[in-house]
Protein backbone atom coordinates (compact mmCIF):
# COMPACT_ATOMS: atom_id res chain seq x y z
CA MET A 1 -26.96 -43.74 -197.89
CA GLY A 2 -24.99 -40.47 -198.00
CA LYS A 3 -25.98 -37.04 -199.23
CA ILE A 4 -28.39 -35.97 -201.96
CA ARG A 5 -26.51 -33.46 -204.08
CA VAL A 6 -29.03 -30.90 -205.33
CA ALA A 7 -28.76 -28.10 -207.90
CA ILE A 8 -31.30 -25.28 -208.23
CA ALA A 9 -32.37 -23.48 -211.42
CA GLY A 10 -33.91 -20.16 -210.40
CA VAL A 11 -32.95 -18.71 -207.01
CA GLY A 12 -36.29 -17.06 -206.29
CA ASN A 13 -38.69 -17.11 -203.37
CA CYS A 14 -39.40 -20.84 -203.59
CA ALA A 15 -35.68 -21.62 -203.56
CA SER A 16 -35.33 -19.36 -200.53
CA SER A 17 -37.95 -21.32 -198.59
CA LEU A 18 -36.47 -24.66 -199.68
CA VAL A 19 -32.92 -23.78 -198.57
CA GLN A 20 -34.18 -22.31 -195.29
CA GLY A 21 -36.35 -25.37 -194.66
CA VAL A 22 -33.46 -27.79 -195.00
CA GLU A 23 -31.46 -25.72 -192.51
CA TYR A 24 -34.40 -25.21 -190.12
CA TYR A 25 -35.27 -28.90 -189.80
CA LYS A 26 -31.81 -30.45 -190.10
CA ASN A 27 -31.83 -31.61 -186.48
CA ALA A 28 -35.38 -32.99 -186.45
CA ARG A 29 -35.76 -36.41 -184.85
CA ASP A 30 -36.87 -39.28 -187.06
CA ASP A 31 -40.08 -39.63 -185.01
CA GLU A 32 -40.78 -35.88 -184.87
CA PHE A 33 -43.77 -34.32 -186.60
CA VAL A 34 -42.63 -31.75 -189.16
CA PRO A 35 -45.54 -29.90 -190.78
CA GLY A 36 -45.54 -30.26 -194.55
CA LEU A 37 -43.44 -33.43 -194.77
CA MET A 38 -44.63 -37.00 -195.19
CA HIS A 39 -41.72 -38.22 -193.06
CA VAL A 40 -38.64 -36.69 -191.43
CA ARG A 41 -36.79 -39.74 -192.71
CA PHE A 42 -38.15 -40.48 -196.17
CA GLY A 43 -36.91 -43.97 -196.96
CA ASP A 44 -33.20 -43.88 -196.18
CA TYR A 45 -32.93 -40.08 -196.32
CA HIS A 46 -33.24 -37.49 -193.56
CA ILE A 47 -33.91 -33.82 -194.38
CA ARG A 48 -30.30 -32.95 -193.51
CA ASP A 49 -29.06 -35.34 -196.20
CA ILE A 50 -29.99 -32.73 -198.82
CA LYS A 51 -26.84 -30.84 -199.79
CA PHE A 52 -26.96 -27.92 -202.22
CA VAL A 53 -24.06 -28.09 -204.67
CA ALA A 54 -24.96 -25.74 -207.55
CA ALA A 55 -27.35 -22.89 -208.34
CA PHE A 56 -28.20 -20.91 -211.47
CA ASP A 57 -29.88 -17.53 -212.00
CA VAL A 58 -29.76 -14.48 -214.27
CA ASN A 59 -30.24 -11.74 -211.66
CA ALA A 60 -27.10 -9.67 -211.07
CA ASN A 61 -28.17 -9.29 -207.42
CA LYS A 62 -27.68 -13.05 -207.04
CA VAL A 63 -25.06 -14.16 -209.55
CA GLY A 64 -21.63 -14.50 -207.96
CA ARG A 65 -22.99 -14.57 -204.41
CA ASP A 66 -23.14 -17.51 -202.06
CA LEU A 67 -26.49 -19.28 -202.26
CA SER A 68 -27.09 -18.49 -198.57
CA GLU A 69 -27.03 -14.77 -199.43
CA ALA A 70 -28.67 -14.92 -202.85
CA ILE A 71 -31.88 -16.43 -201.46
CA PHE A 72 -32.51 -13.19 -199.56
CA ALA A 73 -31.48 -10.81 -202.36
CA PRO A 74 -34.12 -8.58 -204.02
CA PRO A 75 -36.63 -8.94 -205.49
CA ASN A 76 -37.05 -12.03 -203.26
CA CYS A 77 -39.59 -11.34 -200.54
CA ALA A 78 -40.24 -14.79 -199.02
CA ILE A 79 -40.53 -14.78 -195.26
CA ARG A 80 -37.20 -15.29 -193.47
CA PHE A 81 -37.78 -17.96 -190.84
CA THR A 82 -34.17 -18.96 -190.19
CA ASP A 83 -30.60 -17.88 -190.84
CA VAL A 84 -28.60 -19.92 -193.34
CA PRO A 85 -24.82 -20.30 -192.94
CA LYS A 86 -22.47 -19.97 -195.87
CA LEU A 87 -23.01 -22.97 -198.13
CA GLY A 88 -19.94 -22.59 -200.34
CA VAL A 89 -22.16 -22.61 -203.44
CA GLU A 90 -21.74 -19.70 -205.83
CA VAL A 91 -24.80 -18.79 -207.90
CA MET A 92 -23.79 -19.15 -211.55
CA GLU A 93 -24.94 -17.01 -214.45
CA ALA A 94 -27.35 -19.03 -216.61
CA PRO A 95 -28.62 -18.33 -220.13
CA VAL A 96 -31.71 -16.09 -220.05
CA LEU A 97 -33.47 -17.66 -223.05
CA ASP A 98 -37.21 -16.99 -222.51
CA GLY A 99 -36.98 -16.96 -218.72
CA LEU A 100 -37.87 -13.27 -218.34
CA GLY A 101 -41.19 -11.96 -219.59
CA LYS A 102 -41.95 -8.32 -220.34
CA TYR A 103 -43.05 -7.55 -216.76
CA LEU A 104 -40.07 -9.23 -215.11
CA LYS A 105 -37.36 -7.69 -217.31
CA PRO A 106 -37.56 -4.19 -215.75
CA THR A 107 -37.20 -5.67 -212.24
CA ILE A 108 -34.34 -8.13 -212.87
CA PRO A 109 -30.90 -6.56 -213.50
CA CYS A 110 -29.00 -8.81 -215.90
CA ASN A 111 -25.66 -7.02 -216.10
CA ALA A 112 -24.13 -10.26 -214.88
CA LYS A 113 -20.66 -10.57 -213.43
CA GLN A 114 -19.74 -13.42 -215.78
CA ASP A 115 -20.75 -15.06 -219.04
CA PRO A 116 -23.44 -17.75 -218.94
CA VAL A 117 -22.09 -21.14 -217.93
CA GLU A 118 -22.65 -24.49 -219.60
CA VAL A 119 -25.14 -25.93 -217.12
CA SER A 120 -24.38 -29.59 -217.87
CA GLU A 121 -20.68 -29.02 -217.18
CA VAL A 122 -21.43 -27.38 -213.82
CA LEU A 123 -23.78 -30.24 -212.90
CA ARG A 124 -21.10 -32.81 -213.75
CA GLU A 125 -18.37 -30.94 -211.86
CA ALA A 126 -20.64 -30.55 -208.83
CA LYS A 127 -21.63 -34.24 -209.04
CA ALA A 128 -25.25 -33.17 -208.76
CA ASP A 129 -27.78 -35.96 -208.33
CA ILE A 130 -30.89 -33.85 -208.99
CA LEU A 131 -31.75 -30.47 -210.52
CA ILE A 132 -34.79 -28.56 -209.21
CA SER A 133 -36.44 -26.25 -211.75
CA TYR A 134 -37.85 -23.09 -210.17
CA LEU A 135 -37.88 -21.06 -213.38
CA PRO A 136 -40.53 -18.37 -213.97
CA VAL A 137 -43.88 -19.51 -215.36
CA GLY A 138 -43.86 -19.46 -219.17
CA SER A 139 -40.20 -20.49 -219.52
CA TYR A 140 -40.84 -22.89 -222.40
CA GLU A 141 -37.37 -22.82 -223.98
CA ALA A 142 -35.50 -22.49 -220.70
CA SER A 143 -37.32 -25.46 -219.15
CA ARG A 144 -36.38 -27.68 -222.07
CA TYR A 145 -32.82 -26.40 -222.00
CA TYR A 146 -32.44 -27.44 -218.34
CA ALA A 147 -34.10 -30.81 -218.98
CA GLU A 148 -31.65 -31.40 -221.82
CA GLU A 149 -28.70 -30.37 -219.64
CA CYS A 150 -29.83 -32.85 -216.98
CA ILE A 151 -29.82 -35.65 -219.52
CA LYS A 152 -26.35 -34.63 -220.71
CA ALA A 153 -25.03 -34.55 -217.15
CA GLY A 154 -26.74 -37.73 -215.92
CA CYS A 155 -28.82 -35.80 -213.42
CA GLY A 156 -32.36 -36.47 -212.14
CA PHE A 157 -34.97 -33.76 -212.68
CA VAL A 158 -37.71 -32.27 -210.49
CA ASN A 159 -39.90 -29.84 -212.42
CA CYS A 160 -41.72 -27.47 -210.07
CA ILE A 161 -43.21 -25.22 -212.75
CA PRO A 162 -46.10 -25.68 -215.22
CA GLU A 163 -44.06 -26.56 -218.29
CA PHE A 164 -44.99 -30.05 -219.38
CA ILE A 165 -41.76 -32.04 -219.34
CA VAL A 166 -42.33 -35.04 -217.06
CA SER A 167 -45.95 -35.35 -218.22
CA ASP A 168 -44.88 -35.23 -221.89
CA LYS A 169 -44.49 -38.75 -223.29
CA GLN A 170 -41.50 -37.87 -225.47
CA TRP A 171 -39.56 -36.19 -222.66
CA GLY A 172 -40.52 -38.93 -220.24
CA ARG A 173 -39.16 -41.51 -222.65
CA ARG A 174 -35.94 -39.55 -223.05
CA PHE A 175 -35.32 -39.57 -219.29
CA GLN A 176 -36.15 -43.26 -219.19
CA ASP A 177 -33.78 -44.05 -222.05
CA ALA A 178 -31.06 -42.05 -220.27
CA GLY A 179 -31.57 -44.11 -217.10
CA LEU A 180 -32.66 -41.04 -215.11
CA PRO A 181 -35.73 -40.52 -212.91
CA CYS A 182 -37.86 -37.39 -213.06
CA ALA A 183 -40.89 -36.00 -211.22
CA GLY A 184 -43.34 -33.21 -212.12
CA ASP A 185 -44.96 -31.08 -213.39
CA ASP A 186 -46.02 -27.97 -211.38
CA ILE A 187 -45.55 -28.52 -207.65
CA LYS A 188 -48.57 -28.68 -205.35
CA SER A 189 -48.45 -26.64 -202.16
CA GLN A 190 -48.86 -28.16 -198.73
CA VAL A 191 -52.25 -26.45 -198.33
CA GLY A 192 -52.74 -24.30 -201.40
CA ALA A 193 -55.49 -23.23 -203.74
CA THR A 194 -55.31 -26.34 -205.92
CA ILE A 195 -55.37 -28.95 -203.15
CA LEU A 196 -58.19 -27.10 -201.36
CA HIS A 197 -60.22 -26.77 -204.57
CA ARG A 198 -59.66 -30.45 -205.45
CA THR A 199 -60.75 -31.51 -201.98
CA LEU A 200 -63.92 -29.41 -202.06
CA VAL A 201 -65.15 -30.67 -205.42
CA LYS A 202 -64.29 -34.28 -204.55
CA LEU A 203 -66.22 -33.94 -201.30
CA LEU A 204 -69.26 -32.70 -203.22
CA ILE A 205 -68.99 -35.45 -205.84
CA ASP A 206 -68.57 -38.12 -203.12
CA ARG A 207 -71.64 -36.75 -201.30
CA GLY A 208 -73.78 -36.91 -204.43
CA VAL A 209 -73.88 -33.20 -205.28
CA ARG A 210 -74.18 -32.27 -208.94
CA VAL A 211 -71.42 -29.68 -209.38
CA GLU A 212 -72.51 -27.10 -211.96
CA GLU A 213 -69.76 -24.47 -212.12
CA SER A 214 -66.69 -23.28 -210.27
CA TYR A 215 -63.89 -20.76 -210.31
CA GLN A 216 -60.62 -20.12 -208.48
CA LEU A 217 -59.05 -16.65 -208.53
CA ASN A 218 -55.59 -15.99 -207.09
CA ILE A 219 -53.78 -12.74 -206.29
CA GLY A 220 -50.32 -12.10 -204.83
CA GLY A 221 -47.47 -9.64 -204.71
CA ASN A 222 -44.30 -11.62 -205.50
CA THR A 223 -42.47 -11.74 -208.84
CA ASP A 224 -44.35 -14.90 -209.78
CA PHE A 225 -47.60 -12.93 -209.86
CA LEU A 226 -45.91 -10.00 -211.61
CA ASN A 227 -44.66 -12.37 -214.30
CA MET A 228 -48.12 -13.92 -214.66
CA LEU A 229 -49.66 -10.60 -215.66
CA GLU A 230 -48.42 -11.61 -219.11
CA GLU A 231 -51.29 -13.77 -220.32
CA ASP A 232 -49.20 -15.32 -223.10
CA ARG A 233 -47.02 -17.01 -220.45
CA LEU A 234 -50.01 -18.50 -218.65
CA SER A 235 -51.42 -21.10 -221.01
CA SER A 236 -49.74 -24.11 -219.41
CA LYS A 237 -50.37 -22.73 -215.87
CA ARG A 238 -54.10 -22.52 -216.51
CA VAL A 239 -54.13 -26.01 -218.03
CA SER A 240 -52.18 -27.45 -215.09
CA LYS A 241 -54.37 -25.92 -212.38
CA THR A 242 -57.60 -26.60 -214.26
CA GLU A 243 -56.82 -30.26 -214.96
CA ALA A 244 -55.84 -30.80 -211.32
CA VAL A 245 -59.41 -29.85 -210.34
CA SER A 246 -61.39 -31.10 -213.36
CA SER A 247 -59.82 -34.56 -212.93
CA GLN A 248 -61.92 -34.91 -209.76
CA ILE A 249 -65.21 -34.27 -211.61
CA PRO A 250 -66.53 -37.07 -213.89
CA TYR A 251 -68.25 -34.66 -216.29
CA GLU A 252 -67.55 -31.29 -217.86
CA ILE A 253 -68.56 -28.06 -216.14
CA PRO A 254 -67.77 -24.37 -216.67
CA LEU A 255 -64.48 -23.98 -214.80
CA ARG A 256 -62.13 -20.99 -214.63
CA ILE A 257 -58.91 -21.28 -212.66
CA GLY A 258 -55.74 -19.24 -212.52
CA PRO A 259 -53.93 -16.09 -211.44
CA SER A 260 -56.05 -12.98 -211.71
CA ASP A 261 -53.97 -10.02 -210.51
CA TYR A 262 -50.72 -8.70 -209.04
CA VAL A 263 -51.01 -6.70 -205.80
CA PRO A 264 -47.48 -5.52 -204.86
CA PHE A 265 -48.11 -4.84 -201.16
CA LEU A 266 -49.13 -8.48 -200.61
CA LYS A 267 -45.51 -9.50 -201.31
CA ASP A 268 -45.24 -13.30 -200.86
CA ASN A 269 -48.75 -13.58 -199.43
CA LYS A 270 -51.16 -15.34 -201.79
CA VAL A 271 -54.91 -14.85 -201.50
CA CYS A 272 -57.23 -17.33 -203.18
CA TYR A 273 -60.98 -17.13 -203.74
CA ILE A 274 -62.82 -20.36 -204.58
CA PHE A 275 -66.46 -20.55 -205.63
CA VAL A 276 -68.41 -23.75 -206.29
CA ARG A 277 -72.08 -24.01 -207.23
CA GLY A 278 -74.02 -27.26 -207.32
CA ARG A 279 -77.37 -28.95 -206.64
CA LYS A 280 -78.20 -31.38 -203.85
CA PHE A 281 -81.22 -33.59 -203.05
CA GLY A 282 -84.50 -32.11 -204.26
CA ASP A 283 -82.59 -30.13 -206.89
CA ILE A 284 -81.88 -27.52 -204.21
CA PRO A 285 -78.99 -25.09 -204.95
CA LEU A 286 -75.79 -25.21 -202.90
CA THR A 287 -72.92 -22.72 -203.03
CA ILE A 288 -69.50 -22.61 -201.38
CA ASP A 289 -67.38 -19.46 -201.10
CA VAL A 290 -63.89 -19.85 -199.62
CA LYS A 291 -61.00 -17.45 -199.05
CA LEU A 292 -57.52 -18.86 -198.39
CA SER A 293 -54.55 -16.68 -197.41
CA VAL A 294 -51.05 -18.20 -197.22
CA GLU A 295 -47.39 -17.30 -197.45
CA ASP A 296 -46.86 -18.67 -200.94
CA SER A 297 -43.26 -19.89 -201.12
CA PRO A 298 -42.94 -21.87 -197.86
CA ASN A 299 -46.19 -23.59 -198.80
CA SER A 300 -44.44 -25.88 -201.28
CA ALA A 301 -40.97 -26.21 -199.73
CA GLY A 302 -41.74 -29.32 -197.69
CA VAL A 303 -43.39 -30.96 -200.70
CA VAL A 304 -40.22 -30.35 -202.74
CA ILE A 305 -38.05 -31.83 -199.96
CA ASP A 306 -40.10 -35.03 -200.20
CA ALA A 307 -39.97 -35.02 -204.01
CA ILE A 308 -36.18 -34.65 -203.95
CA ARG A 309 -35.82 -37.64 -201.67
CA ALA A 310 -38.21 -39.72 -203.77
CA VAL A 311 -36.19 -39.08 -206.93
CA LYS A 312 -32.96 -40.00 -205.13
CA ILE A 313 -34.50 -43.27 -203.95
CA ALA A 314 -35.40 -44.00 -207.56
CA MET A 315 -31.80 -43.31 -208.61
CA ASP A 316 -30.52 -45.65 -205.91
CA ARG A 317 -32.83 -48.39 -207.18
CA GLY A 318 -31.99 -47.89 -210.85
CA ILE A 319 -35.51 -46.67 -211.66
CA SER A 320 -35.71 -44.29 -214.62
CA GLY A 321 -38.33 -42.14 -216.31
CA PRO A 322 -41.33 -40.39 -214.76
CA LEU A 323 -42.24 -41.44 -211.21
CA ILE A 324 -45.99 -41.94 -211.56
CA GLY A 325 -47.24 -42.11 -207.95
CA VAL A 326 -44.76 -39.52 -206.71
CA SER A 327 -45.74 -37.11 -209.49
CA ALA A 328 -49.46 -37.66 -208.89
CA TYR A 329 -49.19 -36.82 -205.19
CA PHE A 330 -46.73 -33.94 -205.30
CA PHE A 331 -47.59 -32.21 -208.61
CA LYS A 332 -50.60 -30.61 -210.30
CA HIS A 333 -49.96 -31.95 -213.82
CA PRO A 334 -48.47 -35.45 -213.47
CA PRO A 335 -48.29 -38.06 -216.24
CA VAL A 336 -51.27 -39.80 -214.57
CA GLN A 337 -53.83 -38.02 -212.37
CA MET A 338 -54.93 -39.88 -209.23
CA PRO A 339 -57.18 -39.04 -206.28
CA ASP A 340 -54.94 -37.66 -203.54
CA GLU A 341 -55.53 -40.52 -201.12
CA VAL A 342 -54.64 -43.05 -203.84
CA ALA A 343 -51.53 -41.09 -204.80
CA LYS A 344 -50.42 -40.82 -201.17
CA GLN A 345 -50.71 -44.59 -200.76
CA ALA A 346 -48.71 -45.04 -203.96
CA VAL A 347 -45.90 -42.91 -202.51
CA GLU A 348 -45.88 -44.90 -199.27
CA GLU A 349 -45.68 -48.12 -201.30
CA PHE A 350 -42.86 -46.62 -203.37
CA ILE A 351 -40.91 -45.73 -200.22
CA ALA A 352 -41.39 -49.27 -198.90
CA GLY A 353 -40.21 -50.77 -202.20
CA LYS A 354 -43.62 -52.32 -202.92
CA ARG A 355 -44.15 -50.14 -206.00
CA ALA A 356 -41.58 -49.59 -208.74
CA ARG A 357 -42.52 -46.03 -209.65
């Protein structure tokens, strides 16, 4: 079926892990187990079919450099698990808009080497099939700018951050009217805080425990956590993570979920603390305390690789608008929440052509 021509908005740690992952697994056999992927060959597309054709950022350490170099430029601190050859993709200077909060601005040099580009023009010239949004949390205006540019350029959209584009009925309709597929919002990690928390509370509900209260606290040392010190940029993030868990509980409980602090020496390591209290048979108390420690950025790279290939399959089939099953399985705040096992089956049916979206 050819290549999937992918553009990236935001060349941060997650983009670094994504680009490295495509390189690292490009020679995987179709029947090989690759941790973090549903399939090495997802429908008609192998991992190596992903080709990066454009990239956008505002950081002067990255703008003007080849994408293979920019993914390792500071302040990126994602683990380097493979070398990446020159890709022939120059990182373009994008409009800043509201992409940099007050804590990020001092760390991101923006004395760019060129004026901001018109993103839709670059997407058209690069013949991009799909744009991946890796913008900083809280980029309300910038997220909508990139979504608009995708529609102008005839480009599919994968929204990895907690700005509600795909899950917004108006935006979803706009992509559908434009004949373009989209998936989102807010990417789930392979084994991250949200999927672990969802699984724990669903286990308790399925086993007849009355869940009474729960929290999830996250700390990390990358620029994502630095940015999220600004509480005003966190409203949609808290909603996204909270709804991903509360959707598994058929009644309301006190629930607090979200980033809690920035610890610089942790770098790209994310530490999560989950607490759940409930009551079992005989009205006897039950508590669960869990600590999860992961390298944050590689944790979602495989999920994004699958999401990219799902959106390209939709384009090949002439399917437009939000991909419901795909979004429910791969994202925290999809248009329709589903239990994970139901969403996974929906994706398998989508791959097989038994489900439209």
